[in-house]
Amino acid sequence: MKRKKEKRNYAILAILIIFLNIAIISIVPFIFKQEKKVETFKVYYKNVTSNATKVFIPLLAVDENGNGKIVKLYVEAKKGRGNILVNIENIFFWIDTQESIRTAKEVAEKILNRKINDTDLIYEIESEAKVVGGPSAGAAIAIATIAAITNKTLNPYVAITGTIDENGNIGEVGGIIEKAKAAKEFGIKILLVPKGQSIYYITEQKKECKKFEYLEYCIIRNELKKVEVEKEVGIKVYEVKDIREAMKYFFENV
């Protein structure tokens, strides 16, 4: 009787050990995966040293073939004399972007209500393809500049496209659908666009034909079709009128 009881206890213990091993095998990889993701996330989106802050933001552009592309922008703010340094691999992106960078600094000074004379700003732009649409990166450059200067973390799931003026107003851009698709593929969940550009209209031709005895008459009509970027691409889209409004999406809930 005693041996039977011992055998039963051993069997129960063996079953518990098996279930415990299964649980460990299932949970441990998930934990390490999550930790690895968080660590990569932190390093990729913000790097802080004693004298400098470096942030990352994706710029949305369109390549020479009309496809949406992600251009990587890194902005570093460090103690200095108010210099602006730029390292851009793609010369096609430089001509339009240099003005956006100067404007971004002006906007940052107005929003922060101070001159940035004690900080050097270093801009590094990486692109794998020839892209166009430098001015449309203005809003993103301004956001990243403010984040670097103020040592704030950007929400990595938010992206923005839009031109920028010296007052921080965000202007219209082209290629919204293409940029939205690139943003979604990159992992962006919220796309900020200029006012009035979350919806647009395209012209579609519709053909109507009628038969009359041995003849067929056809009429072609042009009709406007409403396209909502959010539904078309499957990404959350919000319209913003200026940088202050956009900052709420980038700096809150981070």
Protein backbone atom coordinates (compact mmCIF):
# COMPACT_ATOMS: atom_id res chain seq x y z
CA MET A 1 0.00 0.00 0.00
CA LYS A 2 2.85 2.32 0.90
CA ARG A 3 4.67 1.56 -2.38
CA LYS A 4 1.53 2.28 -4.40
CA LYS A 5 1.16 5.62 -2.65
CA GLU A 6 4.81 6.47 -3.31
CA LYS A 7 4.45 5.52 -7.01
CA ARG A 8 1.36 7.72 -7.27
CA ASN A 9 3.21 10.65 -5.66
CA TYR A 10 6.13 10.19 -8.05
CA ALA A 11 3.72 10.13 -11.01
CA ILE A 12 2.05 13.34 -9.87
CA LEU A 13 5.46 14.97 -9.34
CA ALA A 14 6.60 13.88 -12.81
CA ILE A 15 3.46 15.36 -14.39
CA LEU A 16 3.99 18.65 -12.54
CA ILE A 17 7.61 18.82 -13.69
CA ILE A 18 6.54 18.22 -17.32
CA PHE A 19 3.94 21.00 -17.16
CA LEU A 20 6.44 23.34 -15.51
CA ASN A 21 8.99 22.71 -18.26
CA ILE A 22 6.38 23.37 -20.94
CA ALA A 23 5.42 26.65 -19.25
CA ILE A 24 9.06 27.75 -19.01
CA ILE A 25 9.74 26.87 -22.66
CA SER A 26 6.68 28.89 -23.73
CA ILE A 27 7.21 31.95 -21.54
CA VAL A 28 10.99 32.47 -21.51
CA PRO A 29 11.40 33.17 -25.27
CA PHE A 30 8.50 35.62 -25.10
CA ILE A 31 10.11 37.47 -22.16
CA PHE A 32 13.49 37.69 -23.86
CA LYS A 33 11.84 38.74 -27.11
CA GLN A 34 10.00 41.57 -25.37
CA GLU A 35 13.12 42.72 -23.52
CA LYS A 36 15.14 42.69 -26.72
CA LYS A 37 12.48 44.68 -28.54
CA VAL A 38 12.30 47.33 -25.81
CA GLU A 39 16.08 47.68 -25.65
CA THR A 40 16.39 48.05 -29.43
CA PHE A 41 13.51 50.49 -29.37
CA LYS A 42 15.25 52.72 -26.80
CA VAL A 43 18.62 52.75 -28.53
CA TYR A 44 17.11 53.37 -31.95
CA TYR A 45 14.86 56.25 -31.03
CA LYS A 46 16.85 58.15 -28.43
CA ASN A 47 20.46 58.33 -27.37
CA VAL A 48 21.41 60.60 -24.48
CA THR A 49 24.91 61.39 -23.24
CA SER A 50 26.09 63.92 -20.69
CA ASN A 51 26.53 66.63 -23.33
CA ALA A 52 24.18 65.66 -26.16
CA THR A 53 20.80 64.25 -27.09
CA LYS A 54 20.24 62.41 -30.36
CA VAL A 55 16.76 61.52 -31.64
CA PHE A 56 15.41 59.68 -34.65
CA ILE A 57 12.34 60.39 -36.75
CA PRO A 58 11.23 58.84 -40.06
CA LEU A 59 10.77 61.24 -42.97
CA LEU A 60 8.15 60.28 -45.54
CA ALA A 61 9.13 60.84 -49.15
CA VAL A 62 8.41 59.65 -52.69
CA ASP A 63 11.14 58.18 -54.89
CA GLU A 64 11.78 58.88 -58.57
CA ASN A 65 9.37 56.07 -59.51
CA GLY A 66 6.49 57.47 -57.45
CA ASN A 67 6.78 54.97 -54.60
CA GLY A 68 6.58 55.96 -50.94
CA LYS A 69 9.89 55.70 -49.07
CA ILE A 70 11.21 56.14 -45.54
CA VAL A 71 14.16 58.48 -45.13
CA LYS A 72 15.95 58.25 -41.78
CA LEU A 73 16.63 61.53 -39.97
CA TYR A 74 18.82 61.80 -36.86
CA VAL A 75 19.02 65.11 -35.03
CA GLU A 76 21.65 65.66 -32.37
CA ALA A 77 21.71 68.62 -30.01
CA LYS A 78 24.93 69.28 -28.12
CA LYS A 79 26.52 72.15 -26.25
CA GLY A 80 28.02 74.60 -28.69
CA ARG A 81 27.68 78.00 -30.32
CA GLY A 82 24.43 77.73 -32.27
CA ASN A 83 25.91 76.06 -35.35
CA ILE A 84 23.92 73.93 -37.78
CA LEU A 85 25.79 70.96 -39.25
CA VAL A 86 24.30 68.74 -41.94
CA ASN A 87 25.29 65.33 -43.27
CA ILE A 88 23.05 64.24 -46.14
CA GLU A 89 23.94 61.25 -48.32
CA ASN A 90 21.39 62.01 -51.03
CA ILE A 91 22.20 65.24 -52.85
CA PHE A 92 18.73 65.26 -54.45
CA PHE A 93 17.23 65.63 -50.99
CA TRP A 94 19.61 68.39 -49.93
CA ILE A 95 18.47 71.34 -52.06
CA ASP A 96 14.93 71.45 -50.66
CA THR A 97 15.78 70.22 -47.18
CA GLN A 98 18.38 72.82 -46.22
CA GLU A 99 15.72 75.54 -46.13
CA SER A 100 13.42 73.29 -44.07
CA ILE A 101 16.22 72.81 -41.54
CA ARG A 102 16.75 76.55 -41.13
CA THR A 103 13.01 77.08 -40.77
CA ALA A 104 12.79 74.23 -38.23
CA LYS A 105 15.31 75.99 -36.00
CA GLU A 106 13.34 79.26 -36.23
CA VAL A 107 10.13 77.45 -35.31
CA ALA A 108 11.83 75.72 -32.37
CA GLU A 109 13.08 79.08 -31.07
CA LYS A 110 9.58 80.57 -31.25
CA ILE A 111 7.94 77.60 -29.53
CA LEU A 112 10.61 77.45 -26.81
CA ASN A 113 10.64 81.26 -26.59
CA ARG A 114 14.42 81.53 -26.61
CA LYS A 115 17.37 81.80 -28.99
CA ILE A 116 19.31 78.59 -29.48
CA ASN A 117 22.78 80.13 -29.30
CA ASP A 118 24.34 77.65 -26.86
CA THR A 119 23.45 74.49 -28.78
CA ASP A 120 24.85 72.98 -31.97
CA LEU A 121 22.38 71.05 -34.11
CA ILE A 122 23.64 68.15 -36.21
CA TYR A 123 21.34 66.70 -38.88
CA GLU A 124 22.06 63.34 -40.46
CA ILE A 125 19.81 62.09 -43.25
CA GLU A 126 20.08 58.58 -44.70
CA SER A 127 18.26 57.42 -47.82
CA GLU A 128 18.66 54.26 -49.87
CA ALA A 129 16.98 55.67 -52.98
CA LYS A 130 16.74 58.92 -54.88
CA VAL A 131 13.81 60.68 -53.29
CA VAL A 132 11.94 63.88 -53.93
CA GLY A 133 9.80 66.05 -51.72
CA GLY A 134 12.31 67.64 -49.36
CA PRO A 135 9.94 70.47 -48.35
CA SER A 136 7.35 67.93 -47.18
CA ALA A 137 9.81 66.86 -44.48
CA GLY A 138 9.71 70.31 -42.85
CA ALA A 139 7.20 69.45 -40.14
CA ALA A 140 9.05 66.27 -39.14
CA ILE A 141 12.38 68.11 -39.02
CA ALA A 142 10.87 70.76 -36.74
CA ILE A 143 9.44 68.12 -34.39
CA ALA A 144 12.77 66.28 -34.18
CA THR A 145 14.65 69.54 -33.59
CA ILE A 146 12.43 70.45 -30.65
CA ALA A 147 12.75 66.92 -29.21
CA ALA A 148 16.55 67.01 -29.40
CA ILE A 149 16.84 70.48 -27.84
CA THR A 150 14.43 69.73 -25.00
CA ASN A 151 15.71 66.18 -24.40
CA LYS A 152 12.28 64.63 -25.05
CA THR A 153 11.45 61.17 -26.36
CA LEU A 154 9.42 60.97 -29.55
CA ASN A 155 6.57 58.50 -29.90
CA PRO A 156 8.03 56.07 -32.49
CA TYR A 157 4.61 55.02 -33.72
CA VAL A 158 3.78 58.51 -35.03
CA ALA A 159 4.93 60.06 -38.31
CA ILE A 160 4.14 63.35 -40.03
CA THR A 161 4.30 64.81 -43.51
CA GLY A 162 3.88 68.50 -44.27
CA THR A 163 5.76 71.65 -45.18
CA ILE A 164 6.56 74.22 -42.52
CA ASP A 165 6.70 78.00 -42.43
CA GLU A 166 8.44 80.32 -39.95
CA ASN A 167 5.27 80.51 -37.81
CA GLY A 168 5.00 76.74 -37.46
CA ASN A 169 2.05 76.33 -39.81
CA ILE A 170 1.91 73.01 -41.67
CA GLY A 171 1.27 73.17 -45.41
CA GLU A 172 0.03 70.77 -48.07
CA VAL A 173 2.14 68.07 -49.69
CA GLY A 174 1.78 65.48 -52.43
CA GLY A 175 1.88 61.69 -52.47
CA ILE A 176 -0.14 61.19 -49.29
CA ILE A 177 -1.31 57.67 -50.19
CA GLU A 178 2.18 56.54 -51.18
CA LYS A 179 3.67 57.99 -48.01
CA ALA A 180 0.95 56.43 -45.87
CA LYS A 181 1.70 52.99 -47.32
CA ALA A 182 5.41 53.40 -46.60
CA ALA A 183 4.63 54.54 -43.05
CA LYS A 184 2.41 51.54 -42.38
CA GLU A 185 5.04 49.14 -43.72
CA PHE A 186 7.62 50.76 -41.43
CA GLY A 187 5.41 50.10 -38.39
CA ILE A 188 3.86 53.54 -37.95
CA LYS A 189 0.38 53.48 -36.41
CA ILE A 190 -0.56 57.18 -36.57
CA LEU A 191 0.07 59.44 -39.55
CA LEU A 192 -0.31 63.21 -39.23
CA VAL A 193 -1.18 65.11 -42.41
CA PRO A 194 -1.91 68.76 -43.24
CA LYS A 195 -5.46 70.07 -42.85
CA GLY A 196 -7.76 68.88 -45.62
CA GLN A 197 -5.48 66.07 -46.80
CA SER A 198 -6.90 63.05 -45.01
CA ILE A 199 -9.52 62.93 -47.77
CA TYR A 200 -9.09 63.61 -51.46
CA TYR A 201 -10.97 63.04 -54.70
CA ILE A 202 -10.00 61.24 -57.88
CA THR A 203 -11.70 61.22 -61.26
CA GLU A 204 -13.07 57.92 -62.49
CA GLN A 205 -14.47 57.22 -65.93
CA LYS A 206 -17.69 55.26 -66.15
CA LYS A 207 -18.99 53.83 -69.40
CA GLU A 208 -22.71 53.35 -69.98
CA CYS A 209 -23.90 51.58 -73.10
CA LYS A 210 -27.38 51.01 -74.56
CA LYS A 211 -28.42 48.89 -77.50
CA PHE A 212 -30.87 50.06 -80.08
CA GLU A 213 -31.67 47.34 -82.57
CA TYR A 214 -28.31 46.58 -84.23
CA LEU A 215 -26.52 49.62 -82.86
CA GLU A 216 -24.88 50.25 -79.49
CA TYR A 217 -24.56 53.72 -78.05
CA CYS A 218 -22.01 54.37 -75.30
CA ILE A 219 -21.56 57.40 -73.07
CA ILE A 220 -18.42 57.98 -70.98
CA ARG A 221 -18.89 60.06 -67.86
CA ASN A 222 -16.30 61.44 -65.47
CA GLU A 223 -17.26 61.03 -61.83
CA LEU A 224 -15.50 62.15 -58.67
CA LYS A 225 -14.63 59.42 -56.20
CA LYS A 226 -13.98 60.22 -52.54
CA VAL A 227 -10.89 58.53 -51.10
CA GLU A 228 -10.16 58.41 -47.36
CA VAL A 229 -6.48 57.77 -46.67
CA GLU A 230 -7.24 55.97 -43.41
CA LYS A 231 -9.57 53.44 -45.04
CA GLU A 232 -7.53 53.14 -48.23
CA VAL A 233 -4.27 52.28 -46.45
CA GLY A 234 -5.39 50.98 -43.08
CA ILE A 235 -3.50 53.43 -40.87
CA LYS A 236 -4.87 55.97 -38.37
CA VAL A 237 -4.77 59.45 -39.91
CA TYR A 238 -5.19 62.81 -38.17
CA GLU A 239 -5.08 66.31 -39.64
CA VAL A 240 -2.93 68.95 -37.91
CA LYS A 241 -2.68 72.64 -38.69
CA ASP A 242 0.59 73.54 -36.95
CA ILE A 243 3.57 72.20 -35.02
CA ARG A 244 2.05 72.83 -31.60
CA GLU A 245 -0.88 70.61 -32.47
CA ALA A 246 1.43 67.92 -33.88
CA MET A 247 3.58 67.95 -30.74
CA LYS A 248 0.68 66.55 -28.71
CA TYR A 249 0.81 63.32 -30.70
CA PHE A 250 4.59 62.97 -30.55
CA PHE A 251 5.25 63.88 -26.92
CA GLU A 252 2.20 62.58 -25.03
CA ASN A 253 1.89 58.97 -23.82
CA VAL A 254 5.54 58.21 -24.52
